[in-house]
N, C-alpha and C. Protein backbone atom coordinates (compact mmCIF):
# COMPACT_ATOMS: atom_id res chain seq x y z
N LEU A 1 -11.47 -45.44 0.50
CA LEU A 1 -12.19 -44.29 1.12
C LEU A 1 -11.20 -43.20 1.33
N ILE A 2 -10.90 -44.09 2.91
CA ILE A 2 -10.03 -42.98 3.63
C ILE A 2 -8.65 -42.27 3.08
N LEU A 3 -7.99 -43.25 2.30
CA LEU A 3 -7.00 -42.24 1.18
C LEU A 3 -7.63 -41.72 0.44
N LEU A 4 -9.42 -41.30 -0.11
CA LEU A 4 -9.77 -40.11 -0.59
C LEU A 4 -9.90 -38.93 0.32
N SER A 5 -10.22 -39.34 1.18
CA SER A 5 -11.20 -38.42 2.84
C SER A 5 -9.62 -37.88 2.92
N SER A 6 -8.72 -38.14 3.17
CA SER A 6 -7.56 -37.88 3.27
C SER A 6 -6.76 -37.01 2.16
N GLY A 7 -6.78 -37.25 1.36
CA GLY A 7 -6.63 -36.34 0.02
C GLY A 7 -7.47 -35.31 0.09
N LEU A 8 -8.74 -35.23 0.79
CA LEU A 8 -9.49 -34.10 0.31
C LEU A 8 -9.02 -32.95 1.66
N LEU A 9 -9.03 -33.81 2.21
CA LEU A 9 -8.75 -33.14 4.17
C LEU A 9 -7.25 -32.15 3.48
N LEU A 10 -5.92 -32.90 2.98
CA LEU A 10 -4.87 -31.79 2.62
C LEU A 10 -5.10 -30.92 1.59
N SER A 11 -6.07 -31.50 0.48
CA SER A 11 -6.33 -30.65 -0.31
C SER A 11 -7.30 -28.85 0.25
N ALA A 12 -8.28 -29.21 1.53
CA ALA A 12 -9.14 -28.59 2.19
C ALA A 12 -7.86 -27.36 2.85
N ASN A 13 -6.56 -27.95 3.50
CA ASN A 13 -5.94 -27.65 4.27
C ASN A 13 -5.09 -26.58 3.54
N ALA A 14 -5.04 -27.25 2.19
CA ALA A 14 -4.19 -26.05 1.40
C ALA A 14 -4.47 -25.41 1.30
N TRP A 15 -5.81 -25.62 0.67
CA TRP A 15 -6.40 -24.02 0.22
C TRP A 15 -6.57 -23.02 1.21
N ALA A 16 -6.75 -23.32 2.71
CA ALA A 16 -7.23 -22.54 3.66
C ALA A 16 -5.43 -22.32 4.42
N GLU A 17 -4.85 -22.63 4.00
CA GLU A 17 -3.89 -22.06 4.10
C GLU A 17 -3.38 -20.66 3.05
N GLN A 18 -3.77 -21.18 1.80
CA GLN A 18 -3.15 -20.65 0.55
C GLN A 18 -4.67 -19.00 1.21
N LYS A 19 -5.26 -18.84 1.06
CA LYS A 19 -6.76 -17.82 1.72
C LYS A 19 -5.92 -17.03 2.60
N GLN A 20 -5.14 -17.74 3.86
CA GLN A 20 -4.93 -17.31 5.22
C GLN A 20 -3.49 -16.11 4.39
N LEU A 21 -3.06 -16.75 3.69
CA LEU A 21 -1.71 -16.27 2.77
C LEU A 21 -2.15 -15.21 1.92
N ALA A 22 -3.40 -15.05 1.53
CA ALA A 22 -3.73 -14.05 0.68
C ALA A 22 -4.09 -12.54 1.51
N ALA A 23 -4.69 -12.96 2.40
CA ALA A 23 -5.52 -11.87 2.89
C ALA A 23 -4.53 -10.59 3.33
N PRO A 24 -5.36 -9.42 3.39
CA PRO A 24 -4.45 -8.46 2.33
C PRO A 24 -3.59 -7.59 4.34
N SER A 25 -2.70 -7.30 3.91
CA SER A 25 -2.07 -7.33 5.26
C SER A 25 -2.62 -5.63 5.81
N ASN A 26 -2.06 -4.73 6.95
CA ASN A 26 -2.96 -3.90 7.76
C ASN A 26 -1.82 -2.79 7.96
N GLN A 27 -0.59 -3.60 7.62
CA GLN A 27 0.78 -2.76 8.13
C GLN A 27 1.70 -2.64 6.77
N ILE A 28 2.13 -1.74 6.63
CA ILE A 28 3.11 -1.35 5.30
C ILE A 28 4.19 -0.43 6.23
N ILE A 29 5.43 -0.67 5.57
CA ILE A 29 6.30 0.41 5.69
C ILE A 29 6.72 1.40 4.72
N PHE A 30 6.33 2.50 5.40
CA PHE A 30 6.27 3.89 4.01
C PHE A 30 7.02 4.76 4.48
N ALA A 31 7.78 5.63 3.78
CA ALA A 31 9.06 6.93 4.20
C ALA A 31 9.75 6.07 5.66
N GLY A 32 10.23 4.94 5.97
CA GLY A 32 10.89 4.70 6.77
C GLY A 32 10.15 4.40 7.69
N GLN A 33 9.22 4.46 8.18
CA GLN A 33 8.54 3.93 9.34
C GLN A 33 7.08 3.27 8.58
N THR A 34 6.66 1.93 10.23
CA THR A 34 5.92 1.26 10.07
C THR A 34 4.24 1.90 10.25
N LEU A 35 3.36 2.14 9.21
CA LEU A 35 2.11 2.16 9.51
C LEU A 35 1.22 0.97 9.61
N THR A 36 0.10 1.27 10.44
CA THR A 36 -0.71 0.54 10.27
C THR A 36 -2.32 0.46 10.37
N LEU A 37 -2.72 -0.13 9.65
CA LEU A 37 -4.41 0.29 9.39
C LEU A 37 -4.98 0.47 10.55
N GLU A 38 -6.10 0.77 10.89
CA GLU A 38 -6.83 0.79 12.31
C GLU A 38 -7.80 1.21 12.62
N ASN A 39 -8.88 0.75 12.95
CA ASN A 39 -10.26 1.08 13.26
C ASN A 39 -10.34 2.41 14.28
N HIS A 40 -11.04 3.24 13.81
CA HIS A 40 -10.69 4.65 15.17
C HIS A 40 -12.70 5.24 15.28
N ASP A 41 -13.21 4.46 15.80
CA ASP A 41 -14.57 5.10 16.11
C ASP A 41 -15.51 4.36 14.14
N GLN A 42 -15.09 3.35 14.06
CA GLN A 42 -15.78 2.79 12.89
C GLN A 42 -15.37 4.02 11.24
N GLN A 43 -14.34 4.27 11.50
CA GLN A 43 -13.53 4.99 10.43
C GLN A 43 -12.10 5.06 10.29
N CYS A 44 -11.56 4.54 9.30
CA CYS A 44 -10.47 4.33 9.16
C CYS A 44 -9.13 5.25 9.16
N ALA A 45 -8.23 4.92 10.29
CA ALA A 45 -6.93 5.72 10.61
C ALA A 45 -5.43 5.05 10.04
N LEU A 46 -4.73 5.46 10.22
CA LEU A 46 -3.28 4.52 9.86
C LEU A 46 -2.69 5.13 11.65
N ARG A 47 -2.37 4.33 11.86
CA ARG A 47 -1.08 4.35 12.83
C ARG A 47 0.00 4.35 13.10
N LYS A 48 0.68 5.62 13.23
CA LYS A 48 2.41 5.92 12.66
C LYS A 48 3.19 5.05 13.45
N GLN A 49 4.50 5.25 13.73
CA GLN A 49 5.53 4.41 14.25
C GLN A 49 5.50 5.12 15.44
N ASP A 50 5.58 6.95 15.69
CA ASP A 50 5.26 6.98 16.93
C ASP A 50 4.00 7.30 17.88
N GLN A 51 2.97 6.39 17.65
CA GLN A 51 1.16 6.19 18.03
C GLN A 51 0.79 7.11 17.73
N SER A 52 1.05 8.38 17.15
CA SER A 52 -0.06 9.50 16.48
C SER A 52 -0.74 8.89 15.26
N LEU A 53 -1.67 9.81 15.10
CA LEU A 53 -3.02 8.67 14.33
C LEU A 53 -3.24 9.79 13.40
N LEU A 54 -3.51 9.10 11.95
CA LEU A 54 -3.67 10.34 10.84
C LEU A 54 -5.32 9.46 10.25
N LYS A 55 -6.14 10.21 10.54
CA LYS A 55 -7.50 9.52 10.46
C LYS A 55 -7.95 9.72 8.76
N LEU A 56 -8.76 8.87 8.24
CA LEU A 56 -9.42 9.10 7.03
C LEU A 56 -10.29 9.12 6.94
N ASP A 57 -10.55 9.71 5.86
CA ASP A 57 -12.12 10.46 5.92
C ASP A 57 -12.97 9.05 4.95
N MET A 58 -13.18 7.70 5.56
CA MET A 58 -14.23 6.51 4.88
C MET A 58 -14.02 5.72 6.18
N PRO A 59 -15.30 5.22 6.23
CA PRO A 59 -15.42 4.26 7.12
C PRO A 59 -14.76 2.65 7.04
N TRP A 60 -14.72 2.37 7.88
CA TRP A 60 -13.97 0.79 8.46
C TRP A 60 -15.02 -0.32 7.87
N PRO A 61 -14.77 -1.33 7.33
CA PRO A 61 -13.00 -1.73 7.39
C PRO A 61 -11.78 -1.09 5.91
N CYS A 62 -11.10 -1.03 5.94
CA CYS A 62 -10.34 -0.33 4.79
C CYS A 62 -9.01 -1.91 4.45
N PHE A 63 -8.98 -0.94 3.31
CA PHE A 63 -7.45 -1.89 3.06
C PHE A 63 -6.39 -1.22 2.66
N LEU A 64 -5.25 -1.84 2.27
CA LEU A 64 -3.98 -1.21 1.73
C LEU A 64 -4.39 -1.49 -0.16
N SER A 65 -3.96 -0.78 -0.77
CA SER A 65 -3.87 -1.13 -2.08
C SER A 65 -2.25 -2.16 -2.44
N VAL A 66 -2.71 -2.88 -3.39
CA VAL A 66 -1.42 -3.94 -3.63
C VAL A 66 -0.89 -4.01 -4.73
N ASP A 67 0.36 -4.62 -5.00
CA ASP A 67 0.86 -4.68 -6.09
C ASP A 67 0.46 -5.92 -6.59
N ARG A 68 0.82 -6.37 -8.03
CA ARG A 68 0.55 -7.53 -8.88
C ARG A 68 1.18 -8.98 -7.68
N LYS A 69 2.14 -8.90 -7.23
CA LYS A 69 2.70 -9.83 -5.77
C LYS A 69 1.30 -9.84 -4.64
N GLY A 70 0.57 -8.95 -4.44
CA GLY A 70 -0.50 -8.88 -3.48
C GLY A 70 0.01 -8.75 -2.05
N GLN A 71 0.96 -7.52 -2.41
CA GLN A 71 1.64 -7.13 -1.13
C GLN A 71 1.14 -5.20 -1.56
N PRO A 72 0.96 -4.57 0.17
CA PRO A 72 1.23 -3.07 -0.14
C PRO A 72 2.09 -2.57 -0.94
N ARG A 73 1.42 -1.32 -1.63
CA ARG A 73 2.33 -1.41 -2.50
C ARG A 73 2.19 0.40 -2.21
N VAL A 74 3.73 0.53 -2.56
CA VAL A 74 4.35 2.07 -2.35
C VAL A 74 4.81 2.74 -3.83
N GLU A 75 3.93 3.57 -4.15
CA GLU A 75 4.42 4.12 -5.15
C GLU A 75 5.38 5.51 -5.11
N ILE A 76 6.59 5.09 -5.96
CA ILE A 76 7.66 6.45 -6.28
C ILE A 76 7.41 7.27 -6.96
N PHE A 77 7.00 8.16 -6.76
CA PHE A 77 6.88 9.71 -7.98
C PHE A 77 7.01 10.96 -7.99
N ASN A 78 7.96 11.32 -8.79
CA ASN A 78 8.66 12.26 -8.01
C ASN A 78 9.10 12.93 -7.11
N ASN A 79 10.05 11.82 -6.19
CA ASN A 79 10.54 11.93 -5.05
C ASN A 79 9.72 12.10 -3.74
N ALA A 80 8.26 11.73 -4.20
CA ALA A 80 7.20 11.42 -3.18
C ALA A 80 7.32 9.74 -3.29
N GLN A 81 6.57 9.59 -1.70
CA GLN A 81 6.44 7.80 -1.53
C GLN A 81 4.78 8.14 -1.46
N ILE A 82 3.91 7.01 -2.54
CA ILE A 82 2.71 7.48 -2.19
C ILE A 82 1.97 6.11 -1.81
N ILE A 83 1.10 5.97 -0.57
CA ILE A 83 0.56 4.94 -1.30
C ILE A 83 -1.63 4.96 -0.81
N ILE A 84 -2.25 4.21 -1.11
CA ILE A 84 -3.38 3.93 -1.38
C ILE A 84 -3.98 3.56 -0.27
N VAL A 85 -5.15 3.80 0.47
CA VAL A 85 -6.07 2.99 1.57
C VAL A 85 -7.42 2.97 0.48
N GLU A 86 -8.10 1.53 0.90
CA GLU A 86 -9.13 1.70 -0.26
C GLU A 86 -10.58 1.03 1.01
N HIS A 87 -11.81 1.34 0.66
CA HIS A 87 -13.02 0.84 1.26
C HIS A 87 -13.85 0.29 -0.17
N SER A 88 -14.67 -0.64 0.20
CA SER A 88 -15.38 -1.18 -0.63
C SER A 88 -16.22 -1.69 -0.28
N THR A 89 -17.84 -1.64 -0.35
CA THR A 89 -18.79 -1.92 0.10
C THR A 89 -19.71 -2.51 -1.41
N PRO A 90 -19.54 -4.00 -1.44
CA PRO A 90 -21.17 -4.01 -2.15
C PRO A 90 -22.18 -3.55 -2.10
N GLU A 91 -22.70 -2.72 -3.41
CA GLU A 91 -24.37 -2.94 -3.01
C GLU A 91 -25.38 -3.90 -2.87
N PRO A 92 -26.21 -3.58 -2.66
CA PRO A 92 -27.49 -4.31 -2.61
C PRO A 92 -28.01 -5.57 -4.08
N ALA A 93 -28.11 -6.21 -3.89
CA ALA A 93 -28.77 -7.29 -5.18
C ALA A 93 -30.03 -6.48 -6.02
N PRO A 94 -29.83 -6.55 -6.70
CA PRO A 94 -29.49 -6.93 -8.21
C PRO A 94 -28.06 -6.66 -9.03
N SER A 95 -27.78 -5.27 -8.10
CA SER A 95 -26.46 -4.34 -8.56
C SER A 95 -24.94 -5.68 -8.45
N HIS A 96 -24.23 -5.22 -9.18
CA HIS A 96 -23.22 -5.67 -9.00
C HIS A 96 -21.88 -4.71 -9.18
N ASP A 97 -22.15 -3.31 -8.22
CA ASP A 97 -22.06 -2.45 -8.24
C ASP A 97 -20.85 -2.72 -6.99
N CYS A 98 -20.21 -1.73 -6.14
CA CYS A 98 -19.89 -1.73 -4.89
C CYS A 98 -19.91 0.28 -4.86
N ASP A 99 -20.36 0.55 -3.40
CA ASP A 99 -19.85 1.67 -2.58
C ASP A 99 -18.51 1.99 -2.34
N ALA A 100 -17.50 2.27 -3.42
CA ALA A 100 -16.22 2.49 -3.66
C ALA A 100 -15.29 3.72 -3.44
N ARG A 101 -14.27 3.86 -2.84
CA ARG A 101 -13.65 4.59 -2.45
C ARG A 101 -11.93 4.34 -2.03
N TYR A 102 -11.14 5.46 -1.99
CA TYR A 102 -9.93 5.36 -1.84
C TYR A 102 -9.08 6.71 -1.49
N GLN A 103 -8.14 6.69 -0.74
CA GLN A 103 -7.32 7.70 -0.57
C GLN A 103 -6.02 7.62 -0.51
N ALA A 104 -5.54 8.39 -1.32
CA ALA A 104 -3.77 8.66 -1.59
C ALA A 104 -3.37 9.07 -0.13
N ILE A 105 -2.21 8.82 0.14
CA ILE A 105 -1.33 9.38 1.47
C ILE A 105 -0.06 9.37 0.28
N ARG A 106 0.17 11.16 0.86
CA ARG A 106 2.37 11.01 -0.09
C ARG A 106 3.00 11.68 0.95
N GLN A 107 3.89 10.90 1.20
CA GLN A 107 5.43 11.62 1.63
C GLN A 107 6.18 12.48 0.93
N ILE A 108 6.54 13.57 1.04
CA ILE A 108 7.64 14.40 0.59
C ILE A 108 8.63 14.33 1.53
N LYS A 109 9.91 13.96 1.38
CA LYS A 109 11.15 14.03 2.28
C LYS A 109 11.09 15.16 3.10
N ASP A 110 11.34 15.36 4.62
CA ASP A 110 10.87 16.70 5.47
C ASP A 110 9.65 17.16 5.24
N GLN A 111 8.88 16.68 4.72
CA GLN A 111 7.37 17.38 5.18
C GLN A 111 6.49 16.53 5.80
N PRO A 112 5.30 17.09 6.33
CA PRO A 112 3.92 16.03 6.94
C PRO A 112 3.82 15.01 5.43
N MET A 113 3.17 14.54 6.42
CA MET A 113 2.42 13.68 5.35
C MET A 113 0.92 14.15 4.80
N GLU A 114 0.68 13.95 3.59
CA GLU A 114 -0.45 14.70 2.65
C GLU A 114 -1.28 13.61 2.70
N VAL A 115 -2.80 13.99 2.57
CA VAL A 115 -3.75 12.67 2.54
C VAL A 115 -4.60 13.28 1.62
N SER A 116 -4.94 12.76 0.60
CA SER A 116 -5.69 13.43 -0.73
C SER A 116 -7.41 13.71 -0.24
N LYS A 117 -8.06 14.51 -1.17
CA LYS A 117 -9.63 13.72 -0.99
C LYS A 117 -9.96 12.80 -1.43
N VAL A 118 -11.00 12.11 -0.74
CA VAL A 118 -11.46 10.91 -1.02
C VAL A 118 -12.13 10.75 -2.86
N ALA A 119 -11.53 9.69 -3.36
CA ALA A 119 -12.03 9.34 -4.87
C ALA A 119 -13.44 8.20 -4.61
N HIS A 120 -14.36 8.29 -5.70
CA HIS A 120 -15.30 7.41 -5.18
C HIS A 120 -15.36 6.55 -6.73
N SER A 121 -15.75 5.38 -6.35
CA SER A 121 -15.76 4.72 -7.48
C SER A 121 -17.02 3.35 -7.95
N ALA A 122 -17.95 3.10 -8.90
CA ALA A 122 -18.52 2.41 -8.65
C ALA A 122 -17.96 0.97 -8.72
N GLY A 123 -16.77 0.32 -9.24
CA GLY A 123 -16.20 -0.64 -9.22
C GLY A 123 -16.00 -1.35 -7.69
N CYS A 124 -15.94 -2.45 -7.87
CA CYS A 124 -15.55 -3.37 -6.54
C CYS A 124 -14.17 -2.90 -6.37
N MET A 125 -12.96 -2.16 -6.80
CA MET A 125 -11.97 -2.08 -6.23
C MET A 125 -10.73 -3.49 -5.92
N THR A 126 -11.14 -3.93 -7.36
CA THR A 126 -10.18 -5.16 -7.52
C THR A 126 -9.16 -5.49 -8.17
N GLY A 127 -8.15 -5.95 -8.03
CA GLY A 127 -6.62 -5.69 -8.94
C GLY A 127 -5.95 -4.75 -8.64
N VAL A 128 -4.49 -4.64 -9.11
CA VAL A 128 -3.94 -3.83 -8.77
C VAL A 128 -4.11 -2.09 -9.39
N MET A 129 -4.65 -1.23 -9.04
CA MET A 129 -4.45 0.03 -9.32
C MET A 129 -3.20 0.93 -10.16
N ASP A 130 -3.73 1.74 -11.58
CA ASP A 130 -2.78 2.60 -11.74
C ASP A 130 -2.08 3.43 -11.56
N GLN A 131 -0.87 3.82 -11.87
CA GLN A 131 -0.49 5.18 -10.86
C GLN A 131 -1.01 6.08 -10.79
N LYS A 132 -1.81 6.56 -11.87
CA LYS A 132 -2.57 7.77 -12.11
C LYS A 132 -3.30 7.82 -10.63
N ASN A 133 -3.82 6.72 -10.45
CA ASN A 133 -4.70 6.77 -9.05
C ASN A 133 -4.10 7.26 -7.71
N PHE A 134 -2.62 6.49 -8.31
CA PHE A 134 -1.76 7.20 -6.37
C PHE A 134 -1.23 8.73 -6.95
N VAL A 135 -1.11 9.69 -8.11
CA VAL A 135 -0.46 10.79 -7.97
C VAL A 135 -1.65 11.93 -8.57
N ALA A 136 -2.88 11.69 -9.14
CA ALA A 136 -3.68 12.56 -9.61
C ALA A 136 -4.28 13.36 -8.79
N HIS A 137 -4.18 12.99 -7.70
CA HIS A 137 -5.12 13.77 -6.65
C HIS A 137 -4.09 14.57 -5.75
N PHE A 138 -2.97 14.97 -6.01
CA PHE A 138 -2.22 15.68 -5.60
C PHE A 138 -1.26 16.91 -6.84
N SER A 139 -1.21 18.43 -6.02
CA SER A 139 -0.72 18.87 -6.68
C SER A 139 0.37 19.06 -7.01
N TRP A 140 1.24 19.10 -7.82
CA TRP A 140 2.27 18.78 -8.26
C TRP A 140 3.52 19.97 -8.62
């Protein structure tokens, strides 16, 4: 019985460690600088390396879109770097939908960061986003 209990405890600890590792990151290296997601008066914002704040048009909490490995994703398109910040809140039961929204942020060399308009979705924003979500909200 003690051996079985120890095995269950080790399994629970391994599961907890995996869950901690799977937690979304609130930092990303983007266009050569570290950006950090922050709660700014219950709104999402990105703190730049120079400590300035880039405010987004979505409520806190928010998270960075990830790649297939679960790491924050930087998409490269037409010599621009693009990231996505997401927010998703489940709708009340019995609905299986969410109030989900996201904004893309792009950096073209030697230009200021540009934030897209907010995109909305009823999906719950799980999984990897398609490249079109990164690029469609900007004029090229």
